[in-house]
């Protein structure tokens, strides 16, 4: 996985769409990717406790686990 590329794409999306990016990402991505998404958003300080405005209700992001493999890589990269 190219962590730097993912980070740059996320920053670009936030620069264009602002905080709505979070809702858009959780809407468009399959639930199986939410753990990866959460890990990057926590690292970028962009993750709210809950994501609102989705068809199937609110997502409580506290219940989504962090991907520990990605956490380790991001800690090394962002030191």
Protein backbone atom coordinates (compact mmCIF):
# COMPACT_ATOMS: atom_id res chain seq x y z
CA UNK A 1 0.00 0.00 0.00
CA UNK A 2 1.30 3.46 -0.84
CA UNK A 3 0.66 5.39 2.35
CA UNK A 4 2.03 8.67 1.04
CA UNK A 5 -0.17 8.56 -2.05
CA UNK A 6 -3.27 7.81 0.02
CA UNK A 7 -2.43 10.66 2.40
CA UNK A 8 -1.95 13.11 -0.47
CA UNK A 9 -5.24 12.10 -2.06
CA UNK A 10 -7.09 12.51 1.24
CA UNK A 11 -5.56 15.96 1.79
CA UNK A 12 -6.57 16.98 -1.74
CA UNK A 13 -10.15 15.83 -1.14
CA UNK A 14 -10.32 17.77 2.15
CA UNK A 15 -8.95 20.87 0.42
CA UNK A 16 -11.69 20.63 -2.22
CA UNK A 17 -14.72 19.38 -0.28
CA UNK A 18 -13.88 20.34 3.30
CA UNK A 19 -15.36 18.33 6.17
CA UNK A 20 -17.97 16.81 3.83
CA UNK A 21 -15.14 14.59 2.57
CA UNK A 22 -15.57 12.33 5.59
CA UNK A 23 -19.23 11.65 4.81
CA UNK A 24 -18.47 11.15 1.12
CA UNK A 25 -15.70 8.63 1.85
CA UNK A 26 -17.78 6.55 4.26
CA UNK A 27 -20.67 6.59 1.77
CA UNK A 28 -18.57 5.52 -1.23
CA UNK A 29 -16.27 2.95 0.40
CA UNK A 30 -17.35 -0.55 1.33
CA UNK A 31 -17.52 -1.24 5.05
CA UNK A 32 -14.56 -3.61 4.77
CA UNK A 33 -12.33 -0.56 4.08
CA UNK A 34 -13.55 1.57 6.99
CA UNK A 35 -10.78 0.39 9.31
CA UNK A 36 -8.12 1.55 6.84
CA UNK A 37 -9.95 4.82 6.27
CA UNK A 38 -10.31 5.45 9.99
CA UNK A 39 -6.59 4.88 10.55
CA UNK A 40 -5.62 7.50 7.98
CA UNK A 41 -8.25 9.99 9.14
CA UNK A 42 -7.14 9.67 12.77
CA UNK A 43 -3.57 10.34 11.65
CA UNK A 44 -4.73 13.44 9.79
CA UNK A 45 -6.90 14.53 12.75
CA UNK A 46 -10.00 14.49 10.53
CA UNK A 47 -12.15 11.78 12.10
CA UNK A 48 -15.32 12.78 13.99
CA UNK A 49 -16.88 10.53 16.64
CA UNK A 50 -19.84 9.97 14.33
CA UNK A 51 -20.52 10.41 10.62
CA UNK A 52 -23.97 11.79 9.83
CA UNK A 53 -25.92 12.21 6.61
CA UNK A 54 -25.78 8.65 5.31
CA UNK A 55 -28.77 6.73 3.97
CA UNK A 56 -28.40 3.88 6.45
CA UNK A 57 -28.05 6.16 9.46
CA UNK A 58 -25.21 7.38 11.59
CA UNK A 59 -21.83 5.64 11.76
CA UNK A 60 -20.25 5.59 15.20
CA UNK A 61 -16.56 5.73 14.29
CA UNK A 62 -15.52 4.78 17.83
CA UNK A 63 -16.72 1.24 17.03
CA UNK A 64 -14.43 0.91 13.99
CA UNK A 65 -11.03 -0.61 14.87
CA UNK A 66 -7.75 0.93 13.77
CA UNK A 67 -5.63 -1.08 11.35
CA UNK A 68 -2.53 -1.74 13.48
CA UNK A 69 -0.30 -2.56 10.50
CA UNK A 70 -1.04 0.82 8.95
CA UNK A 71 -0.64 2.55 12.33
CA UNK A 72 2.92 1.19 12.58
CA UNK A 73 3.80 2.31 9.04
CA UNK A 74 2.32 5.77 9.51
CA UNK A 75 4.15 6.31 12.80
CA UNK A 76 7.45 5.59 11.05
CA UNK A 77 6.55 7.75 8.05
CA UNK A 78 5.21 10.72 10.05
CA UNK A 79 7.99 10.88 12.68
